[in-house]
Amino acid sequence: MKALRLLGLLVGVFAVMSVMASPAFALPEGLPKQTLTGKNVGNATIETGAGSQIICEEASGELTPSNNALGLFHVHFLKCGTNLGGTCTGLGDTSGILVLGEYHIVWDKLAPTLGVAILFLIEHVHWTCNPLGINTLLLALGSVICLILTPTISSVTHEFHCTRTATKGEQEELHYWNDAGVEQLANLKASVNEGAEEKFALVMLGTLTGAAAWTVENT
């Protein structure tokens, strides 16, 4: 009986030691603490589940870090119109559509290899379009994940992309992991003329450029 109790105690000790020795889940080390400027490569497209598209020829912005894992961003989409014609501008902004919010550096996948992404948490955005001469109000909010394509290669400029699936308005990258290692779901939503919310997707290839070379390291 004493031998069994001793064996049980040893098993418990080894279990605790194993937990203590296990590495804690960690997010990527993140961006260096420098402001990054961004711009599009090709058109940036915002697409609803119904297939309506807002197509912007230009996009530029900045990521301003609070620390190396998160910060604030702004993106200004310019020369925007719809796939049915007409133009699109922000509410009270005749030059384009200004998007503001917060960004976080996250894992977008854990296996077979780690994938590094930027999670954009978007504040409410209001814009108006006039396809076929009909004024339309659109409201959007939520979050979107864009992959950094070569995160561990040191470079002044890195490419990122935000993509959709074959389904209209469905963002391709939806899952990410927080600093506790818990899977989360990004969700980008929009409504037309204050109607029911529907999913929509941002499709964009862009670049992020710093004053010095930078990487996002695996920790």
C-alpha atoms as a PDB file:
ATOM      1  CA  MET A   1       0.000   0.000   0.000  1.00  0.00           C
ATOM      2  CA  LYS A   2       2.843   2.377   0.894  1.00  0.00           C
ATOM      3  CA  ALA A   3       4.466   1.571  -2.437  1.00  0.00           C
ATOM      4  CA  LEU A   4       1.258   2.491  -4.274  1.00  0.00           C
ATOM      5  CA  ARG A   5       0.963   5.773  -2.376  1.00  0.00           C
ATOM      6  CA  LEU A   6       4.605   6.560  -3.180  1.00  0.00           C
ATOM      7  CA  LEU A   7       4.042   5.743  -6.846  1.00  0.00           C
ATOM      8  CA  GLY A   8       1.001   8.003  -6.912  1.00  0.00           C
ATOM      9  CA  LEU A   9       2.972  10.828  -5.320  1.00  0.00           C
ATOM     10  CA  LEU A  10       5.785  10.446  -7.856  1.00  0.00           C
ATOM     11  CA  VAL A  11       3.322  10.499 -10.746  1.00  0.00           C
ATOM     12  CA  GLY A  12       1.819  13.706  -9.370  1.00  0.00           C
ATOM     13  CA  VAL A  13       5.237  15.322  -8.977  1.00  0.00           C
ATOM     14  CA  PHE A  14       6.272  14.406 -12.527  1.00  0.00           C
ATOM     15  CA  ALA A  15       2.952  15.746 -13.869  1.00  0.00           C
ATOM     16  CA  VAL A  16       3.495  19.110 -12.169  1.00  0.00           C
ATOM     17  CA  MET A  17       7.079  19.225 -13.405  1.00  0.00           C
ATOM     18  CA  SER A  18       5.887  18.468 -16.931  1.00  0.00           C
ATOM     19  CA  VAL A  19       3.369  21.341 -16.840  1.00  0.00           C
ATOM     20  CA  MET A  20       5.990  23.710 -15.448  1.00  0.00           C
ATOM     21  CA  ALA A  21       8.447  22.687 -18.162  1.00  0.00           C
ATOM     22  CA  SER A  22       5.932  23.110 -21.015  1.00  0.00           C
ATOM     23  CA  PRO A  23       6.529  26.304 -22.982  1.00  0.00           C
ATOM     24  CA  ALA A  24       3.831  28.963 -22.589  1.00  0.00           C
ATOM     25  CA  PHE A  25       1.888  29.902 -25.654  1.00  0.00           C
ATOM     26  CA  ALA A  26       3.230  33.130 -27.102  1.00  0.00           C
ATOM     27  CA  LEU A  27       2.211  35.451 -29.862  1.00  0.00           C
ATOM     28  CA  PRO A  28       4.715  36.521 -32.518  1.00  0.00           C
ATOM     29  CA  GLU A  29       7.223  39.027 -31.194  1.00  0.00           C
ATOM     30  CA  GLY A  30       5.493  41.506 -33.421  1.00  0.00           C
ATOM     31  CA  LEU A  31       6.516  44.504 -35.426  1.00  0.00           C
ATOM     32  CA  PRO A  32       9.428  46.676 -34.373  1.00  0.00           C
ATOM     33  CA  LYS A  33       8.323  49.850 -32.668  1.00  0.00           C
ATOM     34  CA  GLN A  34       8.434  52.020 -35.766  1.00  0.00           C
ATOM     35  CA  THR A  35       5.674  53.530 -37.859  1.00  0.00           C
ATOM     36  CA  LEU A  36       4.992  51.585 -41.044  1.00  0.00           C
ATOM     37  CA  THR A  37       3.513  53.190 -44.140  1.00  0.00           C
ATOM     38  CA  GLY A  38       1.264  51.133 -46.358  1.00  0.00           C
ATOM     39  CA  LYS A  39      -0.073  51.292 -49.884  1.00  0.00           C
ATOM     40  CA  ASN A  40      -1.983  49.054 -52.264  1.00  0.00           C
ATOM     41  CA  VAL A  41      -0.637  47.016 -55.174  1.00  0.00           C
ATOM     42  CA  GLY A  42      -3.434  46.940 -57.732  1.00  0.00           C
ATOM     43  CA  ASN A  43      -7.061  47.664 -56.897  1.00  0.00           C
ATOM     44  CA  ALA A  44      -8.517  47.160 -53.421  1.00  0.00           C
ATOM     45  CA  THR A  45     -11.987  45.615 -53.531  1.00  0.00           C
ATOM     46  CA  ILE A  46     -14.714  45.509 -50.901  1.00  0.00           C
ATOM     47  CA  GLU A  47     -17.309  42.857 -51.746  1.00  0.00           C
ATOM     48  CA  THR A  48     -20.661  42.000 -50.168  1.00  0.00           C
ATOM     49  CA  GLY A  49     -22.252  38.576 -49.985  1.00  0.00           C
ATOM     50  CA  ALA A  50     -24.654  39.637 -52.727  1.00  0.00           C
ATOM     51  CA  GLY A  51     -21.708  40.292 -55.039  1.00  0.00           C
ATOM     52  CA  SER A  52     -21.781  44.093 -55.006  1.00  0.00           C
ATOM     53  CA  GLN A  53     -18.280  45.516 -55.210  1.00  0.00           C
ATOM     54  CA  ILE A  54     -16.623  48.760 -54.241  1.00  0.00           C
ATOM     55  CA  ILE A  55     -13.372  49.054 -56.168  1.00  0.00           C
ATOM     56  CA  CYS A  56     -10.706  51.560 -55.094  1.00  0.00           C
ATOM     57  CA  GLU A  57      -7.721  52.356 -57.292  1.00  0.00           C
ATOM     58  CA  GLU A  58      -5.597  53.726 -54.467  1.00  0.00           C
ATOM     59  CA  ALA A  59      -5.116  53.057 -50.760  1.00  0.00           C
ATOM     60  CA  SER A  60      -2.532  54.460 -48.387  1.00  0.00           C
ATOM     61  CA  GLY A  61      -2.133  54.523 -44.629  1.00  0.00           C
ATOM     62  CA  GLU A  62      -0.010  54.006 -41.552  1.00  0.00           C
ATOM     63  CA  LEU A  63       0.421  51.571 -38.684  1.00  0.00           C
ATOM     64  CA  THR A  64       1.438  53.451 -35.539  1.00  0.00           C
ATOM     65  CA  PRO A  65       2.591  51.074 -32.771  1.00  0.00           C
ATOM     66  CA  SER A  66       1.680  51.285 -29.095  1.00  0.00           C
ATOM     67  CA  ASN A  67       4.101  48.393 -28.540  1.00  0.00           C
ATOM     68  CA  ASN A  68       5.515  45.676 -30.805  1.00  0.00           C
ATOM     69  CA  ALA A  69       2.266  43.668 -30.788  1.00  0.00           C
ATOM     70  CA  LEU A  70      -0.468  46.246 -31.343  1.00  0.00           C
ATOM     71  CA  GLY A  71      -1.203  49.848 -32.246  1.00  0.00           C
ATOM     72  CA  LEU A  72      -3.465  52.127 -34.253  1.00  0.00           C
ATOM     73  CA  PHE A  73      -3.950  52.268 -38.001  1.00  0.00           C
ATOM     74  CA  HIS A  74      -5.612  54.417 -40.614  1.00  0.00           C
ATOM     75  CA  VAL A  75      -6.191  53.652 -44.291  1.00  0.00           C
ATOM     76  CA  HIS A  76      -7.515  56.110 -46.870  1.00  0.00           C
ATOM     77  CA  PHE A  77      -9.145  54.514 -49.910  1.00  0.00           C
ATOM     78  CA  LEU A  78      -9.237  56.821 -52.934  1.00  0.00           C
ATOM     79  CA  LYS A  79     -10.770  56.859 -56.426  1.00  0.00           C
ATOM     80  CA  CYS A  80     -13.515  54.442 -55.408  1.00  0.00           C
ATOM     81  CA  GLY A  81     -16.531  53.320 -57.411  1.00  0.00           C
ATOM     82  CA  THR A  82     -18.786  50.293 -57.760  1.00  0.00           C
ATOM     83  CA  ASN A  83     -18.971  47.456 -60.264  1.00  0.00           C
ATOM     84  CA  LEU A  84     -22.247  49.030 -61.426  1.00  0.00           C
ATOM     85  CA  GLY A  85     -20.728  52.470 -61.985  1.00  0.00           C
ATOM     86  CA  GLY A  86     -20.864  55.628 -59.917  1.00  0.00           C
ATOM     87  CA  THR A  87     -18.508  56.805 -57.210  1.00  0.00           C
ATOM     88  CA  CYS A  88     -18.083  56.054 -53.497  1.00  0.00           C
ATOM     89  CA  THR A  89     -16.891  58.402 -50.768  1.00  0.00           C
ATOM     90  CA  GLY A  90     -16.877  58.478 -46.996  1.00  0.00           C
ATOM     91  CA  LEU A  91     -19.674  60.231 -45.177  1.00  0.00           C
ATOM     92  CA  GLY A  92     -18.581  63.865 -45.200  1.00  0.00           C
ATOM     93  CA  ASP A  93     -15.351  62.991 -47.038  1.00  0.00           C
ATOM     94  CA  THR A  94     -15.471  63.843 -50.718  1.00  0.00           C
ATOM     95  CA  SER A  95     -11.946  62.549 -51.415  1.00  0.00           C
ATOM     96  CA  GLY A  96     -12.418  58.897 -50.462  1.00  0.00           C
ATOM     97  CA  ILE A  97     -13.151  56.472 -47.628  1.00  0.00           C
ATOM     98  CA  LEU A  98     -11.169  56.763 -44.388  1.00  0.00           C
ATOM     99  CA  VAL A  99     -10.928  53.617 -42.235  1.00  0.00           C
ATOM    100  CA  LEU A 100      -9.638  53.823 -38.650  1.00  0.00           C
ATOM    101  CA  GLY A 101      -9.016  51.268 -35.935  1.00  0.00           C
ATOM    102  CA  GLU A 102      -6.585  49.141 -33.978  1.00  0.00           C
ATOM    103  CA  TYR A 103      -4.278  46.383 -35.192  1.00  0.00           C
ATOM    104  CA  HIS A 104      -2.821  43.297 -33.478  1.00  0.00           C
ATOM    105  CA  ILE A 105      -0.092  40.887 -34.594  1.00  0.00           C
ATOM    106  CA  VAL A 106      -1.448  37.323 -34.347  1.00  0.00           C
ATOM    107  CA  TRP A 107      -0.961  33.734 -35.482  1.00  0.00           C
ATOM    108  CA  ASP A 108      -3.449  32.908 -38.206  1.00  0.00           C
ATOM    109  CA  LYS A 109      -2.562  29.209 -38.100  1.00  0.00           C
ATOM    110  CA  LEU A 110      -0.527  26.925 -35.841  1.00  0.00           C
ATOM    111  CA  ALA A 111       0.142  23.884 -38.037  1.00  0.00           C
ATOM    112  CA  PRO A 112       1.842  22.598 -40.080  1.00  0.00           C
ATOM    113  CA  THR A 113       3.736  25.901 -39.970  1.00  0.00           C
ATOM    114  CA  LEU A 114       3.028  29.078 -38.074  1.00  0.00           C
ATOM    115  CA  GLY A 115       1.398  31.857 -40.068  1.00  0.00           C
ATOM    116  CA  VAL A 116       1.736  35.490 -39.041  1.00  0.00           C
ATOM    117  CA  ALA A 117      -1.054  37.945 -39.727  1.00  0.00           C
ATOM    118  CA  ILE A 118      -2.306  41.408 -38.885  1.00  0.00           C
ATOM    119  CA  LEU A 119      -5.728  41.526 -37.263  1.00  0.00           C
ATOM    120  CA  PHE A 120      -7.429  44.839 -38.069  1.00  0.00           C
ATOM    121  CA  LEU A 121     -10.193  45.872 -35.652  1.00  0.00           C
ATOM    122  CA  ILE A 122     -12.227  48.357 -37.655  1.00  0.00           C
ATOM    123  CA  GLU A 123     -14.236  51.227 -36.208  1.00  0.00           C
ATOM    124  CA  HIS A 124     -17.638  51.999 -37.716  1.00  0.00           C
ATOM    125  CA  VAL A 125     -17.187  53.158 -41.303  1.00  0.00           C
ATOM    126  CA  HIS A 126     -19.904  55.068 -43.183  1.00  0.00           C
ATOM    127  CA  TRP A 127     -19.737  55.661 -46.895  1.00  0.00           C
ATOM    128  CA  THR A 128     -22.072  56.470 -49.739  1.00  0.00           C
ATOM    129  CA  CYS A 129     -22.148  55.204 -53.319  1.00  0.00           C
ATOM    130  CA  ASN A 130     -24.350  56.132 -56.271  1.00  0.00           C
ATOM    131  CA  PRO A 131     -24.484  53.091 -58.584  1.00  0.00           C
ATOM    132  CA  LEU A 132     -26.880  53.631 -61.479  1.00  0.00           C
ATOM    133  CA  GLY A 133     -27.553  57.090 -60.056  1.00  0.00           C
ATOM    134  CA  ILE A 134     -29.102  55.668 -56.841  1.00  0.00           C
ATOM    135  CA  ASN A 135     -27.629  57.007 -53.584  1.00  0.00           C
ATOM    136  CA  THR A 136     -26.770  54.135 -51.258  1.00  0.00           C
ATOM    137  CA  LEU A 137     -25.545  54.279 -47.657  1.00  0.00           C
ATOM    138  CA  LEU A 138     -23.232  51.531 -46.389  1.00  0.00           C
ATOM    139  CA  LEU A 139     -22.059  50.900 -42.840  1.00  0.00           C
ATOM    140  CA  ALA A 140     -19.294  48.486 -41.888  1.00  0.00           C
ATOM    141  CA  LEU A 141     -17.514  47.295 -38.772  1.00  0.00           C
ATOM    142  CA  GLY A 142     -15.765  44.241 -37.370  1.00  0.00           C
ATOM    143  CA  SER A 143     -12.376  42.662 -37.938  1.00  0.00           C
ATOM    144  CA  VAL A 144     -10.337  41.355 -40.841  1.00  0.00           C
ATOM    145  CA  ILE A 145      -7.157  39.265 -41.038  1.00  0.00           C
ATOM    146  CA  CYS A 146      -4.426  39.997 -43.578  1.00  0.00           C
ATOM    147  CA  LEU A 147      -1.379  37.730 -43.936  1.00  0.00           C
ATOM    148  CA  ILE A 148       2.191  39.012 -43.849  1.00  0.00           C
ATOM    149  CA  LEU A 149       3.748  37.006 -46.672  1.00  0.00           C
ATOM    150  CA  THR A 150       7.400  36.805 -45.577  1.00  0.00           C
ATOM    151  CA  PRO A 151       7.354  37.675 -41.856  1.00  0.00           C
ATOM    152  CA  THR A 152      10.726  36.198 -40.867  1.00  0.00           C
ATOM    153  CA  ILE A 153      12.769  37.685 -43.728  1.00  0.00           C
ATOM    154  CA  SER A 154      14.428  40.966 -42.808  1.00  0.00           C
ATOM    155  CA  SER A 155      13.348  43.677 -45.239  1.00  0.00           C
ATOM    156  CA  VAL A 156      12.407  47.351 -45.236  1.00  0.00           C
ATOM    157  CA  THR A 157       9.223  46.511 -47.171  1.00  0.00           C
ATOM    158  CA  HIS A 158       6.936  43.516 -46.688  1.00  0.00           C
ATOM    159  CA  GLU A 159       3.886  42.468 -48.674  1.00  0.00           C
ATOM    160  CA  PHE A 160       0.587  41.539 -47.086  1.00  0.00           C
ATOM    161  CA  HIS A 161      -2.644  40.298 -48.581  1.00  0.00           C
ATOM    162  CA  CYS A 162      -6.295  40.080 -47.615  1.00  0.00           C
ATOM    163  CA  THR A 163      -8.166  37.484 -49.660  1.00  0.00           C
ATOM    164  CA  ARG A 164     -11.585  35.926 -50.050  1.00  0.00           C
ATOM    165  CA  THR A 165     -12.788  32.424 -50.835  1.00  0.00           C
ATOM    166  CA  ALA A 166     -14.660  31.397 -53.973  1.00  0.00           C
ATOM    167  CA  THR A 167     -17.832  32.464 -52.148  1.00  0.00           C
ATOM    168  CA  LYS A 168     -18.760  36.097 -52.703  1.00  0.00           C
ATOM    169  CA  GLY A 169     -18.147  38.319 -49.710  1.00  0.00           C
ATOM    170  CA  GLU A 170     -16.461  35.590 -47.641  1.00  0.00           C
ATOM    171  CA  GLN A 171     -13.061  36.439 -46.185  1.00  0.00           C
ATOM    172  CA  GLU A 172     -10.556  33.595 -46.607  1.00  0.00           C
ATOM    173  CA  GLU A 173      -8.632  34.086 -43.367  1.00  0.00           C
ATOM    174  CA  LEU A 174     -11.111  33.923 -40.484  1.00  0.00           C
ATOM    175  CA  HIS A 175      -9.321  32.173 -37.620  1.00  0.00           C
ATOM    176  CA  TYR A 176      -6.572  33.470 -35.352  1.00  0.00           C
ATOM    177  CA  TRP A 177      -5.161  32.709 -31.903  1.00  0.00           C
ATOM    178  CA  ASN A 178      -4.968  35.144 -28.982  1.00  0.00           C
ATOM    179  CA  ASP A 179      -2.182  35.360 -26.389  1.00  0.00           C
ATOM    180  CA  ALA A 180      -3.852  32.613 -24.316  1.00  0.00           C
ATOM    181  CA  GLY A 181      -3.661  30.222 -27.272  1.00  0.00           C
ATOM    182  CA  VAL A 182      -7.445  30.264 -27.733  1.00  0.00           C
ATOM    183  CA  GLU A 183      -8.814  30.220 -31.266  1.00  0.00           C
ATOM    184  CA  GLN A 184     -10.809  33.312 -32.235  1.00  0.00           C
ATOM    185  CA  LEU A 185     -12.942  34.237 -35.216  1.00  0.00           C
ATOM    186  CA  ALA A 186     -12.670  37.445 -37.244  1.00  0.00           C
ATOM    187  CA  ASN A 187     -15.946  38.851 -38.472  1.00  0.00           C
ATOM    188  CA  LEU A 188     -16.395  41.638 -41.002  1.00  0.00           C
ATOM    189  CA  LYS A 189     -19.967  42.905 -41.364  1.00  0.00           C
ATOM    190  CA  ALA A 190     -21.812  45.537 -43.373  1.00  0.00           C
ATOM    191  CA  SER A 191     -25.328  46.807 -43.925  1.00  0.00           C
ATOM    192  CA  VAL A 192     -26.853  48.588 -46.904  1.00  0.00           C
ATOM    193  CA  ASN A 193     -29.259  51.471 -46.277  1.00  0.00           C
ATOM    194  CA  GLU A 194     -29.387  50.469 -42.588  1.00  0.00           C
ATOM    195  CA  GLY A 195     -30.745  47.022 -43.472  1.00  0.00           C
ATOM    196  CA  ALA A 196     -29.756  43.660 -42.015  1.00  0.00           C
ATOM    197  CA  GLU A 197     -26.053  43.047 -41.463  1.00  0.00           C
ATOM    198  CA  GLU A 198     -24.336  40.790 -43.970  1.00  0.00           C
ATOM    199  CA  LYS A 199     -20.814  39.471 -44.366  1.00  0.00           C
ATOM    200  CA  PHE A 200     -18.384  41.180 -46.684  1.00  0.00           C
ATOM    201  CA  ALA A 201     -14.773  40.779 -47.657  1.00  0.00           C
ATOM    202  CA  LEU A 202     -11.744  42.983 -48.276  1.00  0.00           C
ATOM    203  CA  VAL A 203      -9.556  41.812 -51.168  1.00  0.00           C
ATOM    204  CA  MET A 204      -6.251  43.638 -51.311  1.00  0.00           C
ATOM    205  CA  LEU A 205      -2.532  43.175 -51.894  1.00  0.00           C
ATOM    206  CA  GLY A 206      -0.377  45.828 -50.284  1.00  0.00           C
ATOM    207  CA  THR A 207       3.012  46.720 -48.865  1.00  0.00           C
ATOM    208  CA  LEU A 208       4.202  47.911 -45.452  1.00  0.00           C
ATOM    209  CA  THR A 209       7.425  49.925 -45.354  1.00  0.00           C
ATOM    210  CA  GLY A 210       9.481  51.018 -42.365  1.00  0.00           C
ATOM    211  CA  ALA A 211      12.436  53.329 -41.919  1.00  0.00           C
ATOM    212  CA  ALA A 212      14.626  50.271 -41.258  1.00  0.00           C
ATOM    213  CA  ALA A 213      14.480  46.564 -42.103  1.00  0.00           C
ATOM    214  CA  TRP A 214      12.073  44.584 -39.936  1.00  0.00           C
ATOM    215  CA  THR A 215      10.763  41.074 -39.292  1.00  0.00           C
ATOM    216  CA  VAL A 216       8.049  39.422 -37.247  1.00  0.00           C
ATOM    217  CA  GLU A 217       9.778  36.665 -35.288  1.00  0.00           C
ATOM    218  CA  ASN A 218       8.417  33.374 -33.975  1.00  0.00           C
ATOM    219  CA  THR A 219       8.648  33.137 -30.189  1.00  0.00           C
END
